[in-house]
């Protein structure tokens, strides 16, 4: 990541957990938000599966992420965060990566 402050974030909606790549931005015009989602990995269990696939087949890693300067090393950090529940900076990042039965 060349000069980008990006990190994984999560949003819970409708009882499901979604994983995003979020980038720090300075104050945005007409908004007080200081971050912006730049990529959606989807629901937590599927996000980890996708990332593991991309590690094996990096040629299938999304082109938009490659163009933004993200590398296989970044992908490895994201996978580690999802597996361990701890970010590289030591912040807790609890993710439910197990699929649940639907009745």
PDB file of N, CA and C in Angstrom:
ATOM      1  N   UNK A   1       0.829  -1.161   0.000  1.00  0.00           N
ATOM      2  CA  UNK A   1       0.000   0.000   0.000  1.00  0.00           C
ATOM      3  C   UNK A   1       0.879   1.231   0.000  1.00  0.00           C
ATOM      4  N   UNK A   2       0.880   1.940  -1.033  1.00  0.00           N
ATOM      5  CA  UNK A   2       1.739   3.106  -1.153  1.00  0.00           C
ATOM      6  C   UNK A   2       1.028   4.342  -0.630  1.00  0.00           C
ATOM      7  N   UNK A   3       1.305   4.694   0.640  1.00  0.00           N
ATOM      8  CA  UNK A   3       0.763   5.917   1.195  1.00  0.00           C
ATOM      9  C   UNK A   3      -0.725   5.892   1.509  1.00  0.00           C
ATOM     10  N   UNK A   4      -1.364   4.732   1.453  1.00  0.00           N
ATOM     11  CA  UNK A   4      -2.797   4.658   1.728  1.00  0.00           C
ATOM     12  C   UNK A   4      -3.009   4.196   3.164  1.00  0.00           C
ATOM     13  N   UNK A   5      -3.949   4.809   3.818  1.00  0.00           N
ATOM     14  CA  UNK A   5      -4.357   4.365   5.142  1.00  0.00           C
ATOM     15  C   UNK A   5      -5.679   3.626   4.976  1.00  0.00           C
ATOM     16  N   UNK A   6      -5.598   2.340   4.715  1.00  0.00           N
ATOM     17  CA  UNK A   6      -6.791   1.535   4.507  1.00  0.00           C
ATOM     18  C   UNK A   6      -6.776   0.379   5.495  1.00  0.00           C
ATOM     19  N   UNK A   7      -7.971  -0.033   5.890  1.00  0.00           N
ATOM     20  CA  UNK A   7      -8.102  -1.076   6.892  1.00  0.00           C
ATOM     21  C   UNK A   7      -9.431  -1.788   6.687  1.00  0.00           C
ATOM     22  N   UNK A   8      -9.550  -2.977   7.278  1.00  0.00           N
ATOM     23  CA  UNK A   8     -10.807  -3.699   7.216  1.00  0.00           C
ATOM     24  C   UNK A   8     -11.774  -3.097   8.227  1.00  0.00           C
ATOM     25  N   UNK A   9     -13.027  -3.021   7.845  1.00  0.00           N
ATOM     26  CA  UNK A   9     -14.067  -2.590   8.765  1.00  0.00           C
ATOM     27  C   UNK A   9     -15.249  -3.533   8.584  1.00  0.00           C
ATOM     28  N   UNK A  10     -16.171  -3.458   9.521  1.00  0.00           N
ATOM     29  CA  UNK A  10     -17.338  -4.335   9.447  1.00  0.00           C
ATOM     30  C   UNK A  10     -18.606  -3.547   9.731  1.00  0.00           C
ATOM     31  N   UNK A  11     -19.664  -3.989   9.101  1.00  0.00           N
ATOM     32  CA  UNK A  11     -20.969  -3.376   9.285  1.00  0.00           C
ATOM     33  C   UNK A  11     -21.962  -4.513   9.492  1.00  0.00           C
ATOM     34  N   UNK A  12     -22.787  -4.384  10.516  1.00  0.00           N
ATOM     35  CA  UNK A  12     -23.833  -5.374  10.738  1.00  0.00           C
ATOM     36  C   UNK A  12     -25.144  -4.792  10.247  1.00  0.00           C
ATOM     37  N   UNK A  13     -25.837  -5.583   9.439  1.00  0.00           N
ATOM     38  CA  UNK A  13     -27.110  -5.143   8.881  1.00  0.00           C
ATOM     39  C   UNK A  13     -27.995  -6.357   8.679  1.00  0.00           C
ATOM     40  N   UNK A  14     -29.213  -6.275   9.150  1.00  0.00           N
ATOM     41  CA  UNK A  14     -30.150  -7.376   8.971  1.00  0.00           C
ATOM     42  C   UNK A  14     -29.670  -8.674   9.588  1.00  0.00           C
ATOM     43  N   UNK A  15     -28.914  -8.584  10.689  1.00  0.00           N
ATOM     44  CA  UNK A  15     -28.399  -9.777  11.351  1.00  0.00           C
ATOM     45  C   UNK A  15     -27.194 -10.390  10.680  1.00  0.00           C
ATOM     46  N   UNK A  16     -26.692  -9.764   9.641  1.00  0.00           N
ATOM     47  CA  UNK A  16     -25.514 -10.281   8.917  1.00  0.00           C
ATOM     48  C   UNK A  16     -24.357  -9.307   9.075  1.00  0.00           C
ATOM     49  N   UNK A  17     -23.158  -9.841   8.983  1.00  0.00           N
ATOM     50  CA  UNK A  17     -21.949  -9.032   9.132  1.00  0.00           C
ATOM     51  C   UNK A  17     -21.259  -8.921   7.765  1.00  0.00           C
ATOM     52  N   UNK A  18     -20.972  -7.694   7.363  1.00  0.00           N
ATOM     53  CA  UNK A  18     -20.342  -7.436   6.080  1.00  0.00           C
ATOM     54  C   UNK A  18     -18.948  -6.850   6.307  1.00  0.00           C
ATOM     55  N   UNK A  19     -18.005  -7.240   5.469  1.00  0.00           N
ATOM     56  CA  UNK A  19     -16.620  -6.796   5.589  1.00  0.00           C
ATOM     57  C   UNK A  19     -16.305  -5.830   4.440  1.00  0.00           C
ATOM     58  N   UNK A  20     -15.701  -4.698   4.804  1.00  0.00           N
ATOM     59  CA  UNK A  20     -15.331  -3.670   3.829  1.00  0.00           C
ATOM     60  C   UNK A  20     -13.861  -3.313   3.974  1.00  0.00           C
ATOM     61  N   UNK A  21     -13.285  -2.858   2.890  1.00  0.00           N
ATOM     62  CA  UNK A  21     -11.983  -2.209   2.935  1.00  0.00           C
ATOM     63  C   UNK A  21     -12.306  -0.722   3.014  1.00  0.00           C
ATOM     64  N   UNK A  22     -11.842  -0.099   4.063  1.00  0.00           N
ATOM     65  CA  UNK A  22     -12.166   1.295   4.330  1.00  0.00           C
ATOM     66  C   UNK A  22     -10.895   2.115   4.296  1.00  0.00           C
ATOM     67  N   UNK A  23     -10.986   3.282   3.706  1.00  0.00           N
ATOM     68  CA  UNK A  23      -9.809   4.146   3.566  1.00  0.00           C
ATOM     69  C   UNK A  23     -10.022   5.432   4.345  1.00  0.00           C
ATOM     70  N   UNK A  24      -8.992   5.831   5.053  1.00  0.00           N
ATOM     71  CA  UNK A  24      -9.042   7.096   5.773  1.00  0.00           C
ATOM     72  C   UNK A  24      -8.960   8.229   4.763  1.00  0.00           C
ATOM     73  N   UNK A  25      -9.855   9.190   4.905  1.00  0.00           N
ATOM     74  CA  UNK A  25      -9.844  10.384   4.056  1.00  0.00           C
ATOM     75  C   UNK A  25      -9.866  11.590   4.976  1.00  0.00           C
ATOM     76  N   UNK A  26      -9.272  12.652   4.556  1.00  0.00           N
ATOM     77  CA  UNK A  26      -9.398  13.898   5.310  1.00  0.00           C
ATOM     78  C   UNK A  26     -10.861  14.313   5.232  1.00  0.00           C
ATOM     79  N   UNK A  27     -11.226  15.325   5.931  1.00  0.00           N
ATOM     80  CA  UNK A  27     -12.619  15.775   5.930  1.00  0.00           C
ATOM     81  C   UNK A  27     -13.140  15.895   4.499  1.00  0.00           C
ATOM     82  N   UNK A  28     -14.315  15.342   4.286  1.00  0.00           N
ATOM     83  CA  UNK A  28     -14.917  15.387   2.965  1.00  0.00           C
ATOM     84  C   UNK A  28     -15.907  16.551   2.903  1.00  0.00           C
ATOM     85  N   UNK A  29     -16.001  17.126   1.740  1.00  0.00           N
ATOM     86  CA  UNK A  29     -16.927  18.240   1.547  1.00  0.00           C
ATOM     87  C   UNK A  29     -18.358  17.784   1.816  1.00  0.00           C
ATOM     88  N   UNK A  30     -19.113  18.576   2.540  1.00  0.00           N
ATOM     89  CA  UNK A  30     -20.508  18.320   2.882  1.00  0.00           C
ATOM     90  C   UNK A  30     -20.699  17.111   3.806  1.00  0.00           C
ATOM     91  N   UNK A  31     -19.658  16.685   4.498  1.00  0.00           N
ATOM     92  CA  UNK A  31     -19.773  15.533   5.373  1.00  0.00           C
ATOM     93  C   UNK A  31     -18.754  15.627   6.509  1.00  0.00           C
ATOM     94  N   UNK A  32     -19.084  15.017   7.625  1.00  0.00           N
ATOM     95  CA  UNK A  32     -18.130  14.976   8.736  1.00  0.00           C
ATOM     96  C   UNK A  32     -17.377  13.647   8.766  1.00  0.00           C
ATOM     97  N   UNK A  33     -17.711  12.741   7.844  1.00  0.00           N
ATOM     98  CA  UNK A  33     -17.046  11.439   7.805  1.00  0.00           C
ATOM     99  C   UNK A  33     -15.580  11.609   7.424  1.00  0.00           C
ATOM    100  N   UNK A  34     -14.734  10.820   8.059  1.00  0.00           N
ATOM    101  CA  UNK A  34     -13.306  10.871   7.730  1.00  0.00           C
ATOM    102  C   UNK A  34     -12.830   9.570   7.098  1.00  0.00           C
ATOM    103  N   UNK A  35     -13.760   8.670   6.789  1.00  0.00           N
ATOM    104  CA  UNK A  35     -13.388   7.448   6.090  1.00  0.00           C
ATOM    105  C   UNK A  35     -14.436   7.110   5.045  1.00  0.00           C
ATOM    106  N   UNK A  36     -14.020   6.252   4.119  1.00  0.00           N
ATOM    107  CA  UNK A  36     -14.903   5.891   3.013  1.00  0.00           C
ATOM    108  C   UNK A  36     -14.651   4.434   2.661  1.00  0.00           C
ATOM    109  N   UNK A  37     -15.725   3.658   2.464  1.00  0.00           N
ATOM    110  CA  UNK A  37     -15.585   2.275   2.016  1.00  0.00           C
ATOM    111  C   UNK A  37     -15.098   2.303   0.565  1.00  0.00           C
ATOM    112  N   UNK A  38     -14.020   1.585   0.293  1.00  0.00           N
ATOM    113  CA  UNK A  38     -13.505   1.563  -1.076  1.00  0.00           C
ATOM    114  C   UNK A  38     -13.743   0.219  -1.767  1.00  0.00           C
ATOM    115  N   UNK A  39     -14.079  -0.825  -0.960  1.00  0.00           N
ATOM    116  CA  UNK A  39     -14.356  -2.128  -1.566  1.00  0.00           C
ATOM    117  C   UNK A  39     -15.170  -2.957  -0.592  1.00  0.00           C
ATOM    118  N   UNK A  40     -16.146  -3.684  -1.100  1.00  0.00           N
ATOM    119  CA  UNK A  40     -16.949  -4.578  -0.279  1.00  0.00           C
ATOM    120  C   UNK A  40     -16.530  -6.020  -0.552  1.00  0.00           C
ATOM    121  N   UNK A  41     -16.192  -6.737   0.526  1.00  0.00           N
ATOM    122  CA  UNK A  41     -15.854  -8.155   0.405  1.00  0.00           C
ATOM    123  C   UNK A  41     -17.080  -9.032   0.596  1.00  0.00           C
ATOM    124  N   UNK A  42     -18.193  -8.446   1.014  1.00  0.00           N
ATOM    125  CA  UNK A  42     -19.426  -9.195   1.211  1.00  0.00           C
ATOM    126  C   UNK A  42     -19.570  -9.700   2.633  1.00  0.00           C
ATOM    127  N   UNK A  43     -20.428 -10.700   2.816  1.00  0.00           N
ATOM    128  CA  UNK A  43     -20.672 -11.254   4.140  1.00  0.00           C
ATOM    129  C   UNK A  43     -19.404 -11.904   4.680  1.00  0.00           C
ATOM    130  N   UNK A  44     -19.239 -11.848   5.995  1.00  0.00           N
ATOM    131  CA  UNK A  44     -18.005 -12.292   6.643  1.00  0.00           C
ATOM    132  C   UNK A  44     -17.543 -13.697   6.236  1.00  0.00           C
ATOM    133  N   UNK A  45     -18.382 -14.735   6.304  1.00  0.00           N
ATOM    134  CA  UNK A  45     -17.884 -16.062   5.936  1.00  0.00           C
ATOM    135  C   UNK A  45     -17.408 -16.128   4.479  1.00  0.00           C
ATOM    136  N   UNK A  46     -18.144 -15.479   3.608  1.00  0.00           N
ATOM    137  CA  UNK A  46     -17.787 -15.499   2.187  1.00  0.00           C
ATOM    138  C   UNK A  46     -16.546 -14.652   1.920  1.00  0.00           C
ATOM    139  N   UNK A  47     -16.365 -13.579   2.690  1.00  0.00           N
ATOM    140  CA  UNK A  47     -15.208 -12.703   2.506  1.00  0.00           C
ATOM    141  C   UNK A  47     -13.915 -13.473   2.724  1.00  0.00           C
ATOM    142  N   UNK A  48     -13.861 -14.271   3.770  1.00  0.00           N
ATOM    143  CA  UNK A  48     -12.657 -15.050   4.048  1.00  0.00           C
ATOM    144  C   UNK A  48     -12.399 -16.077   2.949  1.00  0.00           C
ATOM    145  N   UNK A  49     -13.448 -16.722   2.472  1.00  0.00           N
ATOM    146  CA  UNK A  49     -13.304 -17.696   1.383  1.00  0.00           C
ATOM    147  C   UNK A  49     -12.756 -17.016   0.124  1.00  0.00           C
ATOM    148  N   UNK A  50     -13.297 -15.840  -0.210  1.00  0.00           N
ATOM    149  CA  UNK A  50     -12.829 -15.094  -1.390  1.00  0.00           C
ATOM    150  C   UNK A  50     -11.354 -14.749  -1.262  1.00  0.00           C
ATOM    151  N   UNK A  51     -10.976 -14.239  -0.079  1.00  0.00           N
ATOM    152  CA  UNK A  51      -9.588 -13.824   0.130  1.00  0.00           C
ATOM    153  C   UNK A  51      -8.628 -15.000   0.024  1.00  0.00           C
ATOM    154  N   UNK A  52      -9.014 -16.143   0.573  1.00  0.00           N
ATOM    155  CA  UNK A  52      -8.160 -17.337   0.484  1.00  0.00           C
ATOM    156  C   UNK A  52      -8.012 -17.780  -0.972  1.00  0.00           C
ATOM    157  N   UNK A  53      -9.086 -17.662  -1.738  1.00  0.00           N
ATOM    158  CA  UNK A  53      -9.028 -17.994  -3.162  1.00  0.00           C
ATOM    159  C   UNK A  53      -8.043 -17.068  -3.883  1.00  0.00           C
ATOM    160  N   UNK A  54      -8.139 -15.760  -3.584  1.00  0.00           N
ATOM    161  CA  UNK A  54      -7.266 -14.793  -4.252  1.00  0.00           C
ATOM    162  C   UNK A  54      -5.798 -15.003  -3.902  1.00  0.00           C
ATOM    163  N   UNK A  55      -5.517 -15.515  -2.702  1.00  0.00           N
ATOM    164  CA  UNK A  55      -4.124 -15.810  -2.342  1.00  0.00           C
ATOM    165  C   UNK A  55      -3.590 -16.892  -3.273  1.00  0.00           C
ATOM    166  N   UNK A  56      -4.396 -17.927  -3.506  1.00  0.00           N
ATOM    167  CA  UNK A  56      -3.977 -19.022  -4.394  1.00  0.00           C
ATOM    168  C   UNK A  56      -3.908 -18.569  -5.853  1.00  0.00           C
ATOM    169  N   UNK A  57      -4.871 -17.764  -6.258  1.00  0.00           N
ATOM    170  CA  UNK A  57      -4.987 -17.332  -7.656  1.00  0.00           C
ATOM    171  C   UNK A  57      -4.978 -15.809  -7.699  1.00  0.00           C
ATOM    172  N   UNK A  58      -3.810 -15.247  -7.429  1.00  0.00           N
ATOM    173  CA  UNK A  58      -3.723 -13.788  -7.313  1.00  0.00           C
ATOM    174  C   UNK A  58      -4.091 -13.070  -8.613  1.00  0.00           C
ATOM    175  N   UNK A  59      -4.019 -13.765  -9.737  1.00  0.00           N
ATOM    176  CA  UNK A  59      -4.408 -13.139 -11.000  1.00  0.00           C
ATOM    177  C   UNK A  59      -5.893 -12.778 -11.012  1.00  0.00           C
ATOM    178  N   UNK A  60      -6.691 -13.407 -10.130  1.00  0.00           N
ATOM    179  CA  UNK A  60      -8.113 -13.103 -10.031  1.00  0.00           C
ATOM    180  C   UNK A  60      -8.425 -12.029  -8.992  1.00  0.00           C
ATOM    181  N   UNK A  61      -7.404 -11.519  -8.296  1.00  0.00           N
ATOM    182  CA  UNK A  61      -7.575 -10.441  -7.323  1.00  0.00           C
ATOM    183  C   UNK A  61      -8.184  -9.249  -8.062  1.00  0.00           C
ATOM    184  N   UNK A  62      -9.196  -8.597  -7.497  1.00  0.00           N
ATOM    185  CA  UNK A  62      -9.891  -7.516  -8.209  1.00  0.00           C
ATOM    186  C   UNK A  62      -8.937  -6.446  -8.759  1.00  0.00           C
ATOM    187  N   UNK A  63      -9.109  -6.163 -10.016  1.00  0.00           N
ATOM    188  CA  UNK A  63      -8.254  -5.186 -10.707  1.00  0.00           C
ATOM    189  C   UNK A  63      -8.324  -3.809 -10.044  1.00  0.00           C
ATOM    190  N   UNK A  64      -9.510  -3.436  -9.560  1.00  0.00           N
ATOM    191  CA  UNK A  64      -9.640  -2.113  -8.940  1.00  0.00           C
ATOM    192  C   UNK A  64      -8.772  -2.001  -7.687  1.00  0.00           C
ATOM    193  N   UNK A  65      -8.592  -3.104  -6.968  1.00  0.00           N
ATOM    194  CA  UNK A  65      -7.716  -3.066  -5.791  1.00  0.00           C
ATOM    195  C   UNK A  65      -6.244  -3.015  -6.208  1.00  0.00           C
ATOM    196  N   UNK A  66      -5.915  -3.756  -7.250  1.00  0.00           N
ATOM    197  CA  UNK A  66      -4.537  -3.710  -7.773  1.00  0.00           C
ATOM    198  C   UNK A  66      -4.189  -2.294  -8.220  1.00  0.00           C
ATOM    199  N   UNK A  67      -5.115  -1.647  -8.922  1.00  0.00           N
ATOM    200  CA  UNK A  67      -4.878  -0.295  -9.421  1.00  0.00           C
ATOM    201  C   UNK A  67      -4.716   0.714  -8.288  1.00  0.00           C
ATOM    202  N   UNK A  68      -5.335   0.436  -7.148  1.00  0.00           N
ATOM    203  CA  UNK A  68      -5.206   1.322  -6.003  1.00  0.00           C
ATOM    204  C   UNK A  68      -3.920   1.044  -5.217  1.00  0.00           C
ATOM    205  N   UNK A  69      -3.140   0.053  -5.665  1.00  0.00           N
ATOM    206  CA  UNK A  69      -1.844  -0.221  -5.050  1.00  0.00           C
ATOM    207  C   UNK A  69      -1.839  -1.319  -4.004  1.00  0.00           C
ATOM    208  N   UNK A  70      -2.946  -2.053  -3.857  1.00  0.00           N
ATOM    209  CA  UNK A  70      -2.986  -3.130  -2.875  1.00  0.00           C
ATOM    210  C   UNK A  70      -2.314  -4.364  -3.452  1.00  0.00           C
ATOM    211  N   UNK A  71      -1.596  -5.082  -2.597  1.00  0.00           N
ATOM    212  CA  UNK A  71      -0.774  -6.205  -3.033  1.00  0.00           C
ATOM    213  C   UNK A  71      -1.167  -7.500  -2.324  1.00  0.00           C
ATOM    214  N   UNK A  72      -0.477  -8.568  -2.699  1.00  0.00           N
ATOM    215  CA  UNK A  72      -0.694  -9.864  -2.068  1.00  0.00           C
ATOM    216  C   UNK A  72      -0.362  -9.792  -0.575  1.00  0.00           C
ATOM    217  N   UNK A  73       0.618  -8.987  -0.238  1.00  0.00           N
ATOM    218  CA  UNK A  73       0.997  -8.813   1.175  1.00  0.00           C
ATOM    219  C   UNK A  73      -0.161  -8.185   1.966  1.00  0.00           C
ATOM    220  N   UNK A  74      -0.853  -7.206   1.379  1.00  0.00           N
ATOM    221  CA  UNK A  74      -2.026  -6.606   2.022  1.00  0.00           C
ATOM    222  C   UNK A  74      -3.107  -7.673   2.226  1.00  0.00           C
ATOM    223  N   UNK A  75      -3.318  -8.472   1.197  1.00  0.00           N
ATOM    224  CA  UNK A  75      -4.314  -9.535   1.248  1.00  0.00           C
ATOM    225  C   UNK A  75      -3.993 -10.516   2.376  1.00  0.00           C
ATOM    226  N   UNK A  76      -2.728 -10.857   2.534  1.00  0.00           N
ATOM    227  CA  UNK A  76      -2.316 -11.763   3.616  1.00  0.00           C
ATOM    228  C   UNK A  76      -2.629 -11.159   4.983  1.00  0.00           C
ATOM    229  N   UNK A  77      -2.419  -9.863   5.138  1.00  0.00           N
ATOM    230  CA  UNK A  77      -2.739  -9.181   6.406  1.00  0.00           C
ATOM    231  C   UNK A  77      -4.241  -9.210   6.678  1.00  0.00           C
ATOM    232  N   UNK A  78      -5.046  -9.001   5.641  1.00  0.00           N
ATOM    233  CA  UNK A  78      -6.498  -9.012   5.812  1.00  0.00           C
ATOM    234  C   UNK A  78      -6.981 -10.395   6.241  1.00  0.00           C
ATOM    235  N   UNK A  79      -6.423 -11.431   5.620  1.00  0.00           N
ATOM    236  CA  UNK A  79      -6.795 -12.809   5.971  1.00  0.00           C
ATOM    237  C   UNK A  79      -6.419 -13.085   7.426  1.00  0.00           C
ATOM    238  N   UNK A  80      -5.233 -12.680   7.815  1.00  0.00           N
ATOM    239  CA  UNK A  80      -4.777 -12.879   9.193  1.00  0.00           C
ATOM    240  C   UNK A  80      -5.708 -12.163  10.181  1.00  0.00           C
ATOM    241  N   UNK A  81      -6.136 -10.977   9.827  1.00  0.00           N
ATOM    242  CA  UNK A  81      -7.066 -10.228  10.680  1.00  0.00           C
ATOM    243  C   UNK A  81      -8.375 -10.992  10.847  1.00  0.00           C
ATOM    244  N   UNK A  82      -8.911 -11.525   9.757  1.00  0.00           N
ATOM    245  CA  UNK A  82     -10.177 -12.256   9.835  1.00  0.00           C
ATOM    246  C   UNK A  82     -10.018 -13.562  10.617  1.00  0.00           C
ATOM    247  N   UNK A  83      -8.879 -14.232  10.459  1.00  0.00           N
ATOM    248  CA  UNK A  83      -8.661 -15.500  11.146  1.00  0.00           C
ATOM    249  C   UNK A  83      -8.414 -15.327  12.639  1.00  0.00           C
ATOM    250  N   UNK A  84      -7.640 -14.327  13.015  1.00  0.00           N
ATOM    251  CA  UNK A  84      -7.250 -14.155  14.413  1.00  0.00           C
ATOM    252  C   UNK A  84      -8.183 -13.250  15.201  1.00  0.00           C
ATOM    253  N   UNK A  85      -8.889 -12.376  14.516  1.00  0.00           N
ATOM    254  CA  UNK A  85      -9.753 -11.425  15.203  1.00  0.00           C
ATOM    255  C   UNK A  85      -8.998 -10.244  15.786  1.00  0.00           C
ATOM    256  N   UNK A  86      -7.761 -10.046  15.303  1.00  0.00           N
ATOM    257  CA  UNK A  86      -6.929  -8.936  15.765  1.00  0.00           C
ATOM    258  C   UNK A  86      -6.288  -8.275  14.549  1.00  0.00           C
ATOM    259  N   UNK A  87      -6.345  -6.946  14.491  1.00  0.00           N
ATOM    260  CA  UNK A  87      -5.742  -6.214  13.375  1.00  0.00           C
ATOM    261  C   UNK A  87      -4.231  -6.118  13.559  1.00  0.00           C
ATOM    262  N   UNK A  88      -3.494  -5.747  12.511  1.00  0.00           N
ATOM    263  CA  UNK A  88      -2.037  -5.575  12.653  1.00  0.00           C
ATOM    264  C   UNK A  88      -1.658  -4.552  13.726  1.00  0.00           C
ATOM    265  N   UNK A  89      -2.554  -3.605  14.014  1.00  0.00           N
ATOM    266  CA  UNK A  89      -2.260  -2.601  15.043  1.00  0.00           C
ATOM    267  C   UNK A  89      -2.667  -3.065  16.445  1.00  0.00           C
ATOM    268  N   UNK A  90      -3.228  -4.285  16.545  1.00  0.00           N
ATOM    269  CA  UNK A  90      -3.598  -4.831  17.838  1.00  0.00           C
ATOM    270  C   UNK A  90      -5.044  -4.600  18.250  1.00  0.00           C
ATOM    271  N   UNK A  91      -5.813  -3.953  17.409  1.00  0.00           N
ATOM    272  CA  UNK A  91      -7.228  -3.676  17.693  1.00  0.00           C
ATOM    273  C   UNK A  91      -8.042  -4.962  17.489  1.00  0.00           C
ATOM    274  N   UNK A  92      -9.036  -5.182  18.359  1.00  0.00           N
ATOM    275  CA  UNK A  92      -9.903  -6.354  18.210  1.00  0.00           C
ATOM    276  C   UNK A  92     -10.778  -6.192  16.975  1.00  0.00           C
ATOM    277  N   UNK A  93     -10.949  -7.297  16.273  1.00  0.00           N
ATOM    278  CA  UNK A  93     -11.769  -7.310  15.063  1.00  0.00           C
ATOM    279  C   UNK A  93     -12.493  -8.647  15.024  1.00  0.00           C
ATOM    280  N   UNK A  94     -13.530  -8.765  15.838  1.00  0.00           N
ATOM    281  CA  UNK A  94     -14.237 -10.033  15.978  1.00  0.00           C
ATOM    282  C   UNK A  94     -15.156 -10.239  14.776  1.00  0.00           C
ATOM    283  N   UNK A  95     -14.935 -11.360  14.114  1.00  0.00           N
ATOM    284  CA  UNK A  95     -15.706 -11.686  12.916  1.00  0.00           C
ATOM    285  C   UNK A  95     -16.224 -13.106  13.039  1.00  0.00           C
ATOM    286  N   UNK A  96     -17.477 -13.299  12.718  1.00  0.00           N
ATOM    287  CA  UNK A  96     -18.056 -14.635  12.710  1.00  0.00           C
ATOM    288  C   UNK A  96     -17.894 -15.198  11.307  1.00  0.00           C
ATOM    289  N   UNK A  97     -16.897 -16.067  11.119  1.00  0.00           N
ATOM    290  CA  UNK A  97     -16.634 -16.613   9.791  1.00  0.00           C
ATOM    291  C   UNK A  97     -17.240 -18.000   9.600  1.00  0.00           C
ATOM    292  N   UNK A  98     -17.997 -18.464  10.579  1.00  0.00           N
ATOM    293  CA  UNK A  98     -18.647 -19.775  10.456  1.00  0.00           C
ATOM    294  C   UNK A  98     -20.059 -19.570   9.918  1.00  0.00           C
ATOM    295  N   UNK A  99     -20.426 -20.446   8.992  1.00  0.00           N
ATOM    296  CA  UNK A  99     -21.770 -20.366   8.440  1.00  0.00           C
ATOM    297  C   UNK A  99     -22.756 -20.929   9.452  1.00  0.00           C
ATOM    298  N   UNK A 100     -23.924 -20.350   9.498  1.00  0.00           N
ATOM    299  CA  UNK A 100     -24.968 -20.813  10.405  1.00  0.00           C
ATOM    300  C   UNK A 100     -26.035 -21.585   9.619  1.00  0.00           C
ATOM    301  N   UNK A 101     -26.654 -22.491  10.298  1.00  0.00           N
ATOM    302  CA  UNK A 101     -27.764 -23.226   9.684  1.00  0.00           C
ATOM    303  C   UNK A 101     -28.964 -22.286   9.583  1.00  0.00           C
ATOM    304  N   UNK A 102     -29.679 -22.395   8.502  1.00  0.00           N
ATOM    305  CA  UNK A 102     -30.870 -21.569   8.301  1.00  0.00           C
ATOM    306  C   UNK A 102     -32.093 -22.479   8.350  1.00  0.00           C
ATOM    307  N   UNK A 103     -33.036 -22.118   9.219  1.00  0.00           N
ATOM    308  CA  UNK A 103     -34.245 -22.936   9.370  1.00  0.00           C
ATOM    309  C   UNK A 103     -35.449 -22.183   8.883  1.00  0.00           C
TER     310      UNK A 103
END
